[in-house]
Amino acid sequence: IIQVESLESFIIGHEYNGKKITPELDNIISNGIYFPNIYEQVNEGTSSDCDLMINTSMLPLRRGSTFFRYPNCNYNSLPKILANNGYSSYSLHPDKGSFWNYSNALKGGIAFENFYDYYSYNISEEIGMGISDKSYFENVSSMIKDFNSPYFVHTITLTNHGPFDLPEEKREFNLDSELGKSEMGGYIESVHYTDTQIGDFIKRLDEEGILDNSIIVITGDHTGVHKYYNHSIDNLS
């Protein structure tokens, strides 16, 4: 599973000035199965609520964070179900394990056998909140080679996080001045960056022969630019 920070479906299949915004995801969709009619159901636990729902099919609390309030509940989780069928499970988180109580919840009630966080990687680059998606996926593709097969791996991206201020040297669209300075423009740039890293990651898995016997699931964790920056979007002319 690749859980993509702030991925929204409106961006899929679109171009700006003739350049595709998510060419890698567009290509994956054309060769896979796409479920675009998704309604965001995270609550106050935001991204951690997605970790909960992906791994347990349970809705989060309406108030407070499920991972803080109930990290050790005996969840009927995907790692537990797969363990009963001979699978090893690995959660590779780009954040620090204490953030949203990820470490306790994912190792506790959800019962991943193995948990890796920010301190587990050789970090060659940081953007925004922490390890860049490029550096993260380079680590993940290297680590997977040593995992016990068959395995379930839960990965989470980080770079496409608000306020979507990707460094100028990594921006690839010649956005007009107003759009380029807005969060929507930043979103176009950062989601394109993440899309590129997902494509490179999958290519590496293919080169290693890992894709030959794998299922890749890609999902967003919650809405992003429309969740927090509608005021900015509404002011664009």
Protein backbone atom coordinates (compact mmCIF):
# COMPACT_ATOMS: atom_id res chain seq x y z
CA ILE A 1 0.00 0.00 0.00
CA ILE A 2 1.21 3.49 -0.90
CA GLN A 3 -0.74 6.00 1.19
CA VAL A 4 -0.25 9.39 -0.45
CA GLU A 5 -0.36 12.56 1.60
CA SER A 6 -3.19 14.94 0.58
CA LEU A 7 -3.92 13.21 -2.73
CA GLU A 8 -7.19 14.44 -4.27
CA SER A 9 -8.85 12.89 -7.30
CA PHE A 10 -9.57 16.21 -9.06
CA ILE A 11 -5.92 16.42 -10.11
CA ILE A 12 -5.86 12.99 -11.81
CA GLY A 13 -5.80 13.07 -15.61
CA HIS A 14 -5.33 16.82 -15.84
CA GLU A 15 -2.67 18.95 -17.55
CA TYR A 16 -1.31 22.44 -17.15
CA ASN A 17 -0.03 24.11 -20.31
CA GLY A 18 0.09 20.73 -22.03
CA LYS A 19 2.10 19.02 -19.24
CA LYS A 20 0.48 16.19 -17.30
CA ILE A 21 0.27 16.80 -13.56
CA THR A 22 0.22 13.12 -12.52
CA PRO A 23 1.56 11.15 -15.51
CA GLU A 24 2.68 8.19 -13.41
CA LEU A 25 -0.66 7.78 -11.63
CA ASP A 26 -2.48 8.29 -14.93
CA ASN A 27 -0.47 5.45 -16.44
CA ILE A 28 -1.07 3.19 -13.43
CA ILE A 29 -4.82 3.86 -13.63
CA SER A 30 -4.87 2.98 -17.34
CA ASN A 31 -3.35 -0.41 -16.48
CA GLY A 32 -5.16 -1.07 -13.23
CA ILE A 33 -8.45 -0.59 -11.40
CA TYR A 34 -9.50 2.91 -10.32
CA PHE A 35 -12.05 3.80 -7.64
CA PRO A 36 -12.53 7.60 -7.83
CA ASN A 37 -15.82 7.93 -5.93
CA ILE A 38 -14.36 8.16 -2.44
CA TYR A 39 -15.74 10.33 0.35
CA GLU A 40 -13.25 11.57 2.94
CA GLN A 41 -14.02 10.05 6.35
CA VAL A 42 -11.10 11.12 8.53
CA ASN A 43 -11.93 13.20 11.59
CA GLU A 44 -9.71 14.92 14.15
CA GLY A 45 -6.96 12.31 13.79
CA THR A 46 -6.45 13.39 10.14
CA SER A 47 -3.68 11.25 8.59
CA SER A 48 -3.62 8.79 11.49
CA ASP A 49 -7.32 8.17 10.94
CA CYS A 50 -6.44 6.99 7.45
CA ASP A 51 -3.86 4.55 8.87
CA LEU A 52 -6.67 3.21 11.05
CA MET A 53 -9.21 2.87 8.24
CA ILE A 54 -6.78 1.34 5.73
CA ASN A 55 -5.71 -1.35 8.16
CA THR A 56 -8.97 -2.07 10.01
CA SER A 57 -11.89 -0.87 7.81
CA MET A 58 -13.15 0.96 10.90
CA LEU A 59 -14.26 4.58 11.07
CA PRO A 60 -12.36 6.84 13.49
CA LEU A 61 -13.73 8.64 16.53
CA ARG A 62 -15.78 11.77 15.87
CA ARG A 63 -13.85 13.64 18.57
CA GLY A 64 -10.19 13.28 19.41
CA SER A 65 -7.65 10.91 17.89
CA THR A 66 -8.36 7.18 17.85
CA PHE A 67 -4.62 6.48 17.88
CA PHE A 68 -4.17 8.49 21.08
CA ARG A 69 -7.31 7.31 22.87
CA TYR A 70 -7.40 3.66 21.80
CA PRO A 71 -3.98 2.59 20.47
CA ASN A 72 -4.12 -0.88 22.03
CA CYS A 73 -7.62 -2.05 21.18
CA ASN A 74 -7.72 -5.55 19.75
CA TYR A 75 -8.46 -4.48 16.19
CA ASN A 76 -9.35 -7.04 13.53
CA SER A 77 -6.59 -5.66 11.33
CA LEU A 78 -5.12 -6.48 7.95
CA PRO A 79 -1.69 -7.31 9.49
CA LYS A 80 -3.36 -9.84 11.83
CA ILE A 81 -5.43 -11.43 9.07
CA LEU A 82 -2.40 -11.71 6.79
CA ALA A 83 -0.24 -13.08 9.64
CA ASN A 84 -2.69 -15.96 9.92
CA ASN A 85 -1.99 -16.65 6.26
CA GLY A 86 1.81 -16.66 6.59
CA TYR A 87 2.55 -13.00 5.79
CA SER A 88 5.06 -10.75 7.53
CA SER A 89 3.90 -7.14 7.99
CA TYR A 90 5.89 -3.92 7.81
CA SER A 91 4.79 -0.34 8.46
CA LEU A 92 7.30 2.16 7.04
CA HIS A 93 6.38 5.60 8.33
CA PRO A 94 8.21 8.79 7.26
CA ASP A 95 7.17 10.61 10.46
CA LYS A 96 8.60 10.16 13.93
CA GLY A 97 6.84 7.32 15.73
CA SER A 98 5.55 9.63 18.48
CA PHE A 99 3.67 11.81 15.99
CA TRP A 100 -0.06 11.02 16.26
CA ASN A 101 1.07 8.08 18.45
CA TYR A 102 1.79 6.11 15.27
CA SER A 103 4.31 3.75 16.82
CA ASN A 104 2.12 2.64 19.73
CA ALA A 105 -1.02 2.17 17.64
CA LEU A 106 0.51 0.48 14.61
CA LYS A 107 2.63 -1.88 16.72
CA GLY A 108 -0.07 -2.24 19.39
CA GLY A 109 -3.69 -2.79 18.47
CA ILE A 110 -3.14 -2.95 14.71
CA ALA A 111 -0.23 -5.33 15.31
CA PHE A 112 2.32 -4.67 12.59
CA GLU A 113 5.20 -7.04 13.26
CA ASN A 114 7.73 -4.43 12.15
CA PHE A 115 7.58 -0.64 12.43
CA TYR A 116 10.07 1.83 10.97
CA ASP A 117 9.95 5.60 11.39
CA TYR A 118 11.99 8.72 10.60
CA TYR A 119 14.97 7.48 12.60
CA SER A 120 15.20 4.25 10.58
CA TYR A 121 16.29 5.77 7.27
CA ASN A 122 19.43 7.09 5.63
CA ILE A 123 18.11 10.56 4.88
CA SER A 124 19.72 12.23 1.88
CA GLU A 125 17.13 15.00 1.52
CA GLU A 126 14.43 16.69 3.56
CA ILE A 127 11.54 18.78 2.27
CA GLY A 128 8.90 20.49 4.38
CA MET A 129 7.94 18.28 7.33
CA GLY A 130 10.77 15.78 6.97
CA ILE A 131 12.27 13.14 4.71
CA SER A 132 11.52 13.81 1.04
CA ASP A 133 9.52 11.28 -0.94
CA LYS A 134 12.57 10.72 -3.15
CA SER A 135 14.83 9.84 -0.21
CA TYR A 136 12.06 7.86 1.48
CA PHE A 137 11.29 5.64 -1.52
CA GLU A 138 14.99 5.05 -2.14
CA ASN A 139 15.17 3.69 1.40
CA VAL A 140 11.99 1.65 1.06
CA SER A 141 13.03 -0.02 -2.20
CA SER A 142 16.36 -0.98 -0.64
CA MET A 143 14.78 -2.29 2.57
CA ILE A 144 12.12 -4.41 0.86
CA LYS A 145 14.81 -6.68 -0.59
CA ASP A 146 15.52 -8.00 2.91
CA PHE A 147 11.91 -8.49 4.02
CA ASN A 148 10.56 -11.97 4.74
CA SER A 149 8.30 -13.06 1.90
CA PRO A 150 5.35 -13.13 1.58
CA TYR A 151 4.88 -9.70 3.09
CA PHE A 152 2.50 -6.80 3.48
CA VAL A 153 4.14 -3.37 3.37
CA HIS A 154 2.34 -0.15 4.31
CA THR A 155 4.15 2.97 3.06
CA ILE A 156 3.19 6.62 3.54
CA THR A 157 4.40 9.68 1.62
CA LEU A 158 5.03 13.06 3.23
CA THR A 159 6.20 15.73 0.76
CA ASN A 160 2.75 16.61 -0.63
CA HIS A 161 1.76 18.17 2.70
CA GLY A 162 0.38 21.68 3.15
CA PRO A 163 1.27 24.46 2.71
CA PHE A 164 2.65 22.85 -0.49
CA ASP A 165 5.78 25.00 -0.62
CA LEU A 166 8.02 22.77 -2.74
CA PRO A 167 11.48 24.37 -3.22
CA GLU A 168 11.72 26.45 -6.36
CA GLU A 169 14.43 24.28 -7.93
CA LYS A 170 12.11 21.26 -7.81
CA ARG A 171 9.16 22.97 -9.48
CA GLU A 172 8.59 21.89 -13.08
CA PHE A 173 5.57 23.92 -14.20
CA ASN A 174 5.86 27.45 -15.46
CA LEU A 175 2.85 28.63 -13.50
CA ASP A 176 1.60 32.17 -13.94
CA SER A 177 2.50 34.54 -11.11
CA GLU A 178 -0.82 34.48 -9.23
CA LEU A 179 -1.24 30.71 -9.39
CA GLY A 180 2.43 30.05 -8.66
CA LYS A 181 2.26 31.98 -5.39
CA SER A 182 -0.93 30.27 -4.22
CA GLU A 183 -1.44 27.02 -2.34
CA MET A 184 -3.21 25.59 -5.41
CA GLY A 185 -0.14 26.28 -7.53
CA GLY A 186 2.03 24.77 -4.83
CA TYR A 187 -0.22 21.74 -4.77
CA ILE A 188 0.15 21.21 -8.52
CA GLU A 189 3.93 21.30 -8.12
CA SER A 190 4.17 19.10 -5.02
CA VAL A 191 1.71 16.44 -6.18
CA HIS A 192 3.64 16.23 -9.46
CA TYR A 193 6.86 15.75 -7.46
CA THR A 194 5.28 12.92 -5.43
CA ASP A 195 3.86 11.37 -8.59
CA THR A 196 7.37 11.25 -10.07
CA GLN A 197 8.77 9.53 -6.95
CA ILE A 198 5.98 6.93 -6.97
CA GLY A 199 6.76 6.18 -10.62
CA ASP A 200 10.49 5.81 -9.89
CA PHE A 201 9.75 3.56 -6.90
CA ILE A 202 7.57 1.23 -8.95
CA LYS A 203 10.20 1.11 -11.71
CA ARG A 204 12.78 0.00 -9.13
CA LEU A 205 10.43 -2.71 -7.88
CA ASP A 206 9.96 -3.84 -11.47
CA GLU A 207 13.72 -3.95 -12.10
CA GLU A 208 14.16 -6.11 -8.99
CA GLY A 209 11.44 -8.51 -10.14
CA ILE A 210 9.30 -7.65 -7.10
CA LEU A 211 6.35 -6.46 -9.19
CA ASP A 212 6.02 -9.87 -10.82
CA ASN A 213 4.25 -11.19 -7.72
CA SER A 214 2.88 -8.06 -6.08
CA ILE A 215 -0.32 -6.06 -5.76
CA ILE A 216 0.18 -2.29 -5.42
CA VAL A 217 -2.61 -0.24 -3.84
CA ILE A 218 -2.38 3.57 -3.98
CA THR A 219 -4.72 5.77 -1.95
CA GLY A 220 -4.88 9.31 -0.61
CA ASP A 221 -5.06 9.81 3.14
CA HIS A 222 -7.40 12.82 3.03
CA THR A 223 -8.13 15.92 0.97
CA GLY A 224 -5.41 18.54 1.08
CA VAL A 225 -5.59 21.83 -0.75
CA HIS A 226 -9.39 21.92 -0.52
CA LYS A 227 -9.36 20.84 3.12
CA TYR A 228 -7.32 23.74 4.44
CA TYR A 229 -6.92 26.36 1.71
CA ASN A 230 -10.35 26.99 0.16
CA HIS A 231 -10.04 30.67 1.12
CA SER A 232 -6.97 30.93 -1.08
CA ILE A 233 -8.57 28.99 -3.96
CA ASP A 234 -11.70 31.18 -3.88
CA ASN A 235 -9.56 34.29 -4.32
CA LEU A 236 -7.87 33.05 -7.52
CA SER A 237 -9.07 34.97 -10.57
